[in-house]
Amino acid sequence: MFYQILISLAVGILIGLLVFYLLTRRRDKIAPSQEVSSFSDKDAETLLKKQGYQILSKRQRETVITKINGKDHFGFVEADYLVRKGRKSYVVMVHFSEGDADPNEQTTRRRLLEYDNVFSAEGLLVLDVNRGEIHDVSFRFPHEKNIDFFFRLLIALFIIGGVIGIIWMLAMLRLF
């Protein structure tokens, strides 16, 4: 009888410790990330306002339709902030993690290119909360001379030829 009580007590203590461990581990995963996120959001908003940006929206979502093998798949792109300074609007990507915010890093660059295509803003900003810096980002792509280049060249030659033709005609009519 004594051994049964002792075994039951030991099993109860082990089950209690296991439940306690699972509950504390789950709470540690949920609570700190929420506290850090809201605290960092406040820091980001403070930095943006200090630099003169007016926050238009937070966590702005835009729908994206991806066509795969003829079938549409709906998704969304979510920007951290949409802000305005003067007459220009910007999409803001907030960098919370450790290390410098490098807009040229591959995943960051892809995300910024996606923002540039989806949102109708005049500029892109990367906000480094850790360093308190805002980086203005823009993209430029070197293009090869393709049919557009030759079409523009042909139009320019046509205009120049037209002007020369008008001058020649005026000279022939002695109006020039």
C-alpha atoms as a PDB file:
ATOM      1  CA  MET A   1       0.000   0.000   0.000  1.00  0.00           C
ATOM      2  CA  PHE A   2       2.793   2.424   0.902  1.00  0.00           C
ATOM      3  CA  TYR A   3       4.627   1.663  -2.369  1.00  0.00           C
ATOM      4  CA  GLN A   4       1.481   2.309  -4.436  1.00  0.00           C
ATOM      5  CA  ILE A   5       1.082   5.753  -2.823  1.00  0.00           C
ATOM      6  CA  LEU A   6       4.780   6.514  -3.371  1.00  0.00           C
ATOM      7  CA  ILE A   7       4.601   5.447  -7.061  1.00  0.00           C
ATOM      8  CA  SER A   8       1.378   7.457  -7.590  1.00  0.00           C
ATOM      9  CA  LEU A   9       3.013  10.500  -5.979  1.00  0.00           C
ATOM     10  CA  ALA A  10       6.123  10.162  -8.187  1.00  0.00           C
ATOM     11  CA  VAL A  11       4.024   9.750 -11.367  1.00  0.00           C
ATOM     12  CA  GLY A  12       1.901  12.773 -10.350  1.00  0.00           C
ATOM     13  CA  ILE A  13       5.014  14.880  -9.764  1.00  0.00           C
ATOM     14  CA  LEU A  14       6.468  13.852 -13.163  1.00  0.00           C
ATOM     15  CA  ILE A  15       3.200  14.617 -14.978  1.00  0.00           C
ATOM     16  CA  GLY A  16       2.951  17.958 -13.141  1.00  0.00           C
ATOM     17  CA  LEU A  17       6.542  18.868 -14.089  1.00  0.00           C
ATOM     18  CA  LEU A  18       5.890  17.923 -17.725  1.00  0.00           C
ATOM     19  CA  VAL A  19       2.705  20.045 -17.881  1.00  0.00           C
ATOM     20  CA  PHE A  20       4.503  22.946 -16.153  1.00  0.00           C
ATOM     21  CA  TYR A  21       7.390  22.699 -18.642  1.00  0.00           C
ATOM     22  CA  LEU A  22       5.053  22.654 -21.655  1.00  0.00           C
ATOM     23  CA  LEU A  23       3.027  25.617 -20.376  1.00  0.00           C
ATOM     24  CA  THR A  24       6.058  27.780 -19.562  1.00  0.00           C
ATOM     25  CA  ARG A  25       7.755  26.937 -22.837  1.00  0.00           C
ATOM     26  CA  ARG A  26       4.646  27.919 -24.807  1.00  0.00           C
ATOM     27  CA  ARG A  27       4.220  31.168 -22.856  1.00  0.00           C
ATOM     28  CA  ASP A  28       7.880  32.102 -23.449  1.00  0.00           C
ATOM     29  CA  LYS A  29       7.388  31.667 -27.188  1.00  0.00           C
ATOM     30  CA  ILE A  30       4.235  33.790 -27.345  1.00  0.00           C
ATOM     31  CA  ALA A  31       4.626  36.566 -24.787  1.00  0.00           C
ATOM     32  CA  PRO A  32       8.094  37.972 -25.495  1.00  0.00           C
ATOM     33  CA  SER A  33       7.581  38.163 -29.253  1.00  0.00           C
ATOM     34  CA  GLN A  34       4.387  40.163 -28.732  1.00  0.00           C
ATOM     35  CA  GLU A  35       6.101  42.495 -26.289  1.00  0.00           C
ATOM     36  CA  VAL A  36       9.111  42.992 -28.581  1.00  0.00           C
ATOM     37  CA  SER A  37       6.910  43.543 -31.625  1.00  0.00           C
ATOM     38  CA  SER A  38       4.705  46.191 -30.000  1.00  0.00           C
ATOM     39  CA  PHE A  39       7.720  47.895 -28.403  1.00  0.00           C
ATOM     40  CA  SER A  40       9.573  47.885 -31.722  1.00  0.00           C
ATOM     41  CA  ASP A  41       6.486  49.223 -33.503  1.00  0.00           C
ATOM     42  CA  LYS A  42       6.473  52.159 -31.112  1.00  0.00           C
ATOM     43  CA  ASP A  43      10.182  52.747 -31.763  1.00  0.00           C
ATOM     44  CA  ALA A  44       9.655  52.603 -35.515  1.00  0.00           C
ATOM     45  CA  GLU A  45       6.741  55.028 -35.380  1.00  0.00           C
ATOM     46  CA  THR A  46       8.721  57.408 -33.172  1.00  0.00           C
ATOM     47  CA  LEU A  47      11.691  57.359 -35.575  1.00  0.00           C
ATOM     48  CA  LEU A  48       9.458  57.973 -38.578  1.00  0.00           C
ATOM     49  CA  LYS A  49       7.678  60.888 -36.899  1.00  0.00           C
ATOM     50  CA  LYS A  50      11.007  62.403 -35.767  1.00  0.00           C
ATOM     51  CA  GLN A  51      12.201  62.420 -39.397  1.00  0.00           C
ATOM     52  CA  GLY A  52       9.027  64.217 -40.491  1.00  0.00           C
ATOM     53  CA  TYR A  53       7.094  61.303 -41.989  1.00  0.00           C
ATOM     54  CA  GLN A  54       3.330  61.128 -41.527  1.00  0.00           C
ATOM     55  CA  ILE A  55       2.111  57.552 -41.044  1.00  0.00           C
ATOM     56  CA  LEU A  56      -0.743  56.844 -43.459  1.00  0.00           C
ATOM     57  CA  SER A  57      -1.302  53.182 -42.633  1.00  0.00           C
ATOM     58  CA  LYS A  58       0.245  50.305 -40.773  1.00  0.00           C
ATOM     59  CA  ARG A  59       0.405  46.731 -42.071  1.00  0.00           C
ATOM     60  CA  GLN A  60      -1.113  47.736 -45.415  1.00  0.00           C
ATOM     61  CA  ARG A  61      -2.119  44.737 -47.543  1.00  0.00           C
ATOM     62  CA  GLU A  62      -2.482  44.591 -51.284  1.00  0.00           C
ATOM     63  CA  THR A  63      -3.835  41.624 -53.230  1.00  0.00           C
ATOM     64  CA  VAL A  64      -1.604  39.805 -55.684  1.00  0.00           C
ATOM     65  CA  ILE A  65      -2.868  37.331 -58.253  1.00  0.00           C
ATOM     66  CA  THR A  66      -0.331  34.756 -59.387  1.00  0.00           C
ATOM     67  CA  LYS A  67      -1.242  32.799 -62.499  1.00  0.00           C
ATOM     68  CA  ILE A  68       0.233  29.300 -62.457  1.00  0.00           C
ATOM     69  CA  ASN A  69      -0.541  26.992 -65.398  1.00  0.00           C
ATOM     70  CA  GLY A  70      -3.548  29.146 -66.316  1.00  0.00           C
ATOM     71  CA  LYS A  71      -5.057  29.076 -62.826  1.00  0.00           C
ATOM     72  CA  ASP A  72      -5.218  32.195 -60.651  1.00  0.00           C
ATOM     73  CA  HIS A  73      -3.875  31.997 -57.104  1.00  0.00           C
ATOM     74  CA  PHE A  74      -4.712  34.841 -54.748  1.00  0.00           C
ATOM     75  CA  GLY A  75      -2.253  36.116 -52.186  1.00  0.00           C
ATOM     76  CA  PHE A  76      -1.242  39.363 -50.597  1.00  0.00           C
ATOM     77  CA  VAL A  77       1.762  41.556 -49.980  1.00  0.00           C
ATOM     78  CA  GLU A  78       1.940  43.328 -46.642  1.00  0.00           C
ATOM     79  CA  ALA A  79       4.012  46.465 -46.115  1.00  0.00           C
ATOM     80  CA  ASP A  80       5.066  47.509 -42.621  1.00  0.00           C
ATOM     81  CA  TYR A  81       4.081  51.169 -43.090  1.00  0.00           C
ATOM     82  CA  LEU A  82       2.878  53.565 -45.752  1.00  0.00           C
ATOM     83  CA  VAL A  83       4.094  57.087 -44.958  1.00  0.00           C
ATOM     84  CA  ARG A  84       4.092  60.534 -46.522  1.00  0.00           C
ATOM     85  CA  LYS A  85       6.641  63.323 -46.376  1.00  0.00           C
ATOM     86  CA  GLY A  86       5.711  66.447 -48.270  1.00  0.00           C
ATOM     87  CA  ARG A  87       3.967  65.329 -51.434  1.00  0.00           C
ATOM     88  CA  LYS A  88       5.776  61.982 -51.765  1.00  0.00           C
ATOM     89  CA  SER A  89       4.469  58.728 -50.373  1.00  0.00           C
ATOM     90  CA  TYR A  90       6.776  55.899 -49.340  1.00  0.00           C
ATOM     91  CA  VAL A  91       6.531  52.203 -48.523  1.00  0.00           C
ATOM     92  CA  VAL A  92       8.527  51.408 -45.371  1.00  0.00           C
ATOM     93  CA  MET A  93      10.177  48.100 -44.573  1.00  0.00           C
ATOM     94  CA  VAL A  94      11.187  47.933 -40.901  1.00  0.00           C
ATOM     95  CA  HIS A  95      14.370  46.032 -40.008  1.00  0.00           C
ATOM     96  CA  PHE A  96      14.101  44.723 -36.415  1.00  0.00           C
ATOM     97  CA  SER A  97      16.703  41.968 -36.316  1.00  0.00           C
ATOM     98  CA  GLU A  98      20.330  42.144 -35.241  1.00  0.00           C
ATOM     99  CA  GLY A  99      22.937  43.533 -37.596  1.00  0.00           C
ATOM    100  CA  ASP A 100      22.813  46.282 -40.161  1.00  0.00           C
ATOM    101  CA  ALA A 101      19.860  46.659 -42.489  1.00  0.00           C
ATOM    102  CA  ASP A 102      21.356  45.949 -45.908  1.00  0.00           C
ATOM    103  CA  PRO A 103      18.888  46.803 -48.696  1.00  0.00           C
ATOM    104  CA  ASN A 104      21.180  45.065 -51.178  1.00  0.00           C
ATOM    105  CA  GLU A 105      20.887  41.734 -49.345  1.00  0.00           C
ATOM    106  CA  GLN A 106      19.037  39.286 -51.605  1.00  0.00           C
ATOM    107  CA  THR A 107      15.840  38.645 -49.602  1.00  0.00           C
ATOM    108  CA  THR A 108      15.512  42.310 -48.604  1.00  0.00           C
ATOM    109  CA  ARG A 109      16.029  43.440 -52.206  1.00  0.00           C
ATOM    110  CA  ARG A 110      13.391  41.001 -53.462  1.00  0.00           C
ATOM    111  CA  ARG A 111      10.925  42.191 -50.847  1.00  0.00           C
ATOM    112  CA  LEU A 112      11.594  45.836 -51.778  1.00  0.00           C
ATOM    113  CA  LEU A 113      11.164  45.072 -55.486  1.00  0.00           C
ATOM    114  CA  GLU A 114       7.854  43.426 -54.687  1.00  0.00           C
ATOM    115  CA  TYR A 115       6.763  46.527 -52.722  1.00  0.00           C
ATOM    116  CA  ASP A 116       7.867  48.742 -55.611  1.00  0.00           C
ATOM    117  CA  ASN A 117       5.666  46.815 -58.057  1.00  0.00           C
ATOM    118  CA  VAL A 118       2.615  46.333 -55.832  1.00  0.00           C
ATOM    119  CA  PHE A 119       2.194  49.613 -53.964  1.00  0.00           C
ATOM    120  CA  SER A 120       1.665  52.894 -55.770  1.00  0.00           C
ATOM    121  CA  ALA A 121       4.235  54.862 -53.791  1.00  0.00           C
ATOM    122  CA  GLU A 122       6.938  57.205 -55.065  1.00  0.00           C
ATOM    123  CA  GLY A 123       9.696  55.736 -52.927  1.00  0.00           C
ATOM    124  CA  LEU A 124      10.940  52.907 -50.735  1.00  0.00           C
ATOM    125  CA  LEU A 125      12.413  53.261 -47.260  1.00  0.00           C
ATOM    126  CA  VAL A 126      14.249  50.772 -45.061  1.00  0.00           C
ATOM    127  CA  LEU A 127      14.004  51.691 -41.386  1.00  0.00           C
ATOM    128  CA  ASP A 128      16.795  50.280 -39.211  1.00  0.00           C
ATOM    129  CA  VAL A 129      15.311  50.444 -35.703  1.00  0.00           C
ATOM    130  CA  ASN A 130      18.518  49.280 -33.992  1.00  0.00           C
ATOM    131  CA  ARG A 131      20.637  52.106 -35.452  1.00  0.00           C
ATOM    132  CA  GLY A 132      17.849  54.682 -35.763  1.00  0.00           C
ATOM    133  CA  GLU A 133      18.518  55.187 -39.489  1.00  0.00           C
ATOM    134  CA  ILE A 134      16.244  55.492 -42.493  1.00  0.00           C
ATOM    135  CA  HIS A 135      17.602  54.452 -45.901  1.00  0.00           C
ATOM    136  CA  ASP A 136      15.968  55.722 -49.112  1.00  0.00           C
ATOM    137  CA  VAL A 137      16.108  52.935 -51.726  1.00  0.00           C
ATOM    138  CA  SER A 138      15.493  53.060 -55.463  1.00  0.00           C
ATOM    139  CA  PHE A 139      16.200  50.641 -58.284  1.00  0.00           C
ATOM    140  CA  ARG A 140      17.691  51.125 -61.732  1.00  0.00           C
ATOM    141  CA  PHE A 141      18.154  48.350 -64.263  1.00  0.00           C
ATOM    142  CA  PRO A 142      20.731  48.521 -67.057  1.00  0.00           C
ATOM    143  CA  HIS A 143      19.003  47.396 -70.227  1.00  0.00           C
ATOM    144  CA  GLU A 144      20.486  46.119 -73.436  1.00  0.00           C
ATOM    145  CA  LYS A 145      19.723  47.973 -76.656  1.00  0.00           C
ATOM    146  CA  ASN A 146      16.619  46.211 -77.858  1.00  0.00           C
ATOM    147  CA  ILE A 147      13.851  47.010 -80.331  1.00  0.00           C
ATOM    148  CA  ASP A 148      12.715  49.995 -78.220  1.00  0.00           C
ATOM    149  CA  PHE A 149      16.092  51.665 -78.685  1.00  0.00           C
ATOM    150  CA  PHE A 150      15.919  51.214 -82.472  1.00  0.00           C
ATOM    151  CA  PHE A 151      12.300  52.407 -82.585  1.00  0.00           C
ATOM    152  CA  ARG A 152      13.215  55.592 -80.682  1.00  0.00           C
ATOM    153  CA  LEU A 153      16.217  56.108 -82.977  1.00  0.00           C
ATOM    154  CA  LEU A 154      13.977  55.721 -86.044  1.00  0.00           C
ATOM    155  CA  ILE A 155      11.488  58.282 -84.655  1.00  0.00           C
ATOM    156  CA  ALA A 156      14.317  60.739 -83.924  1.00  0.00           C
ATOM    157  CA  LEU A 157      15.690  60.317 -87.477  1.00  0.00           C
ATOM    158  CA  PHE A 158      12.187  60.826 -88.907  1.00  0.00           C
ATOM    159  CA  ILE A 159      11.752  64.087 -86.949  1.00  0.00           C
ATOM    160  CA  ILE A 160      15.199  65.347 -87.990  1.00  0.00           C
ATOM    161  CA  GLY A 161      14.456  64.430 -91.628  1.00  0.00           C
ATOM    162  CA  GLY A 162      11.114  66.239 -91.419  1.00  0.00           C
ATOM    163  CA  VAL A 163      12.747  69.409 -90.093  1.00  0.00           C
ATOM    164  CA  ILE A 164      15.422  69.289 -92.815  1.00  0.00           C
ATOM    165  CA  GLY A 165      12.687  68.740 -95.437  1.00  0.00           C
ATOM    166  CA  ILE A 166      10.707  71.758 -94.228  1.00  0.00           C
ATOM    167  CA  ILE A 167      13.830  73.949 -94.255  1.00  0.00           C
ATOM    168  CA  TRP A 168      14.710  72.753 -97.800  1.00  0.00           C
ATOM    169  CA  MET A 169      11.145  73.424 -98.998  1.00  0.00           C
ATOM    170  CA  LEU A 170      11.199  76.935 -97.493  1.00  0.00           C
ATOM    171  CA  ALA A 171      14.545  77.608 -99.153  1.00  0.00           C
ATOM    172  CA  MET A 172      13.203  76.424-102.522  1.00  0.00           C
ATOM    173  CA  LEU A 173      10.181  78.692-102.208  1.00  0.00           C
ATOM    174  CA  ARG A 174      12.501  81.538-101.164  1.00  0.00           C
ATOM    175  CA  LEU A 175      10.528  82.068 -97.931  1.00  0.00           C
ATOM    176  CA  PHE A 176      13.491  81.442 -95.743  1.00  0.00           C
END
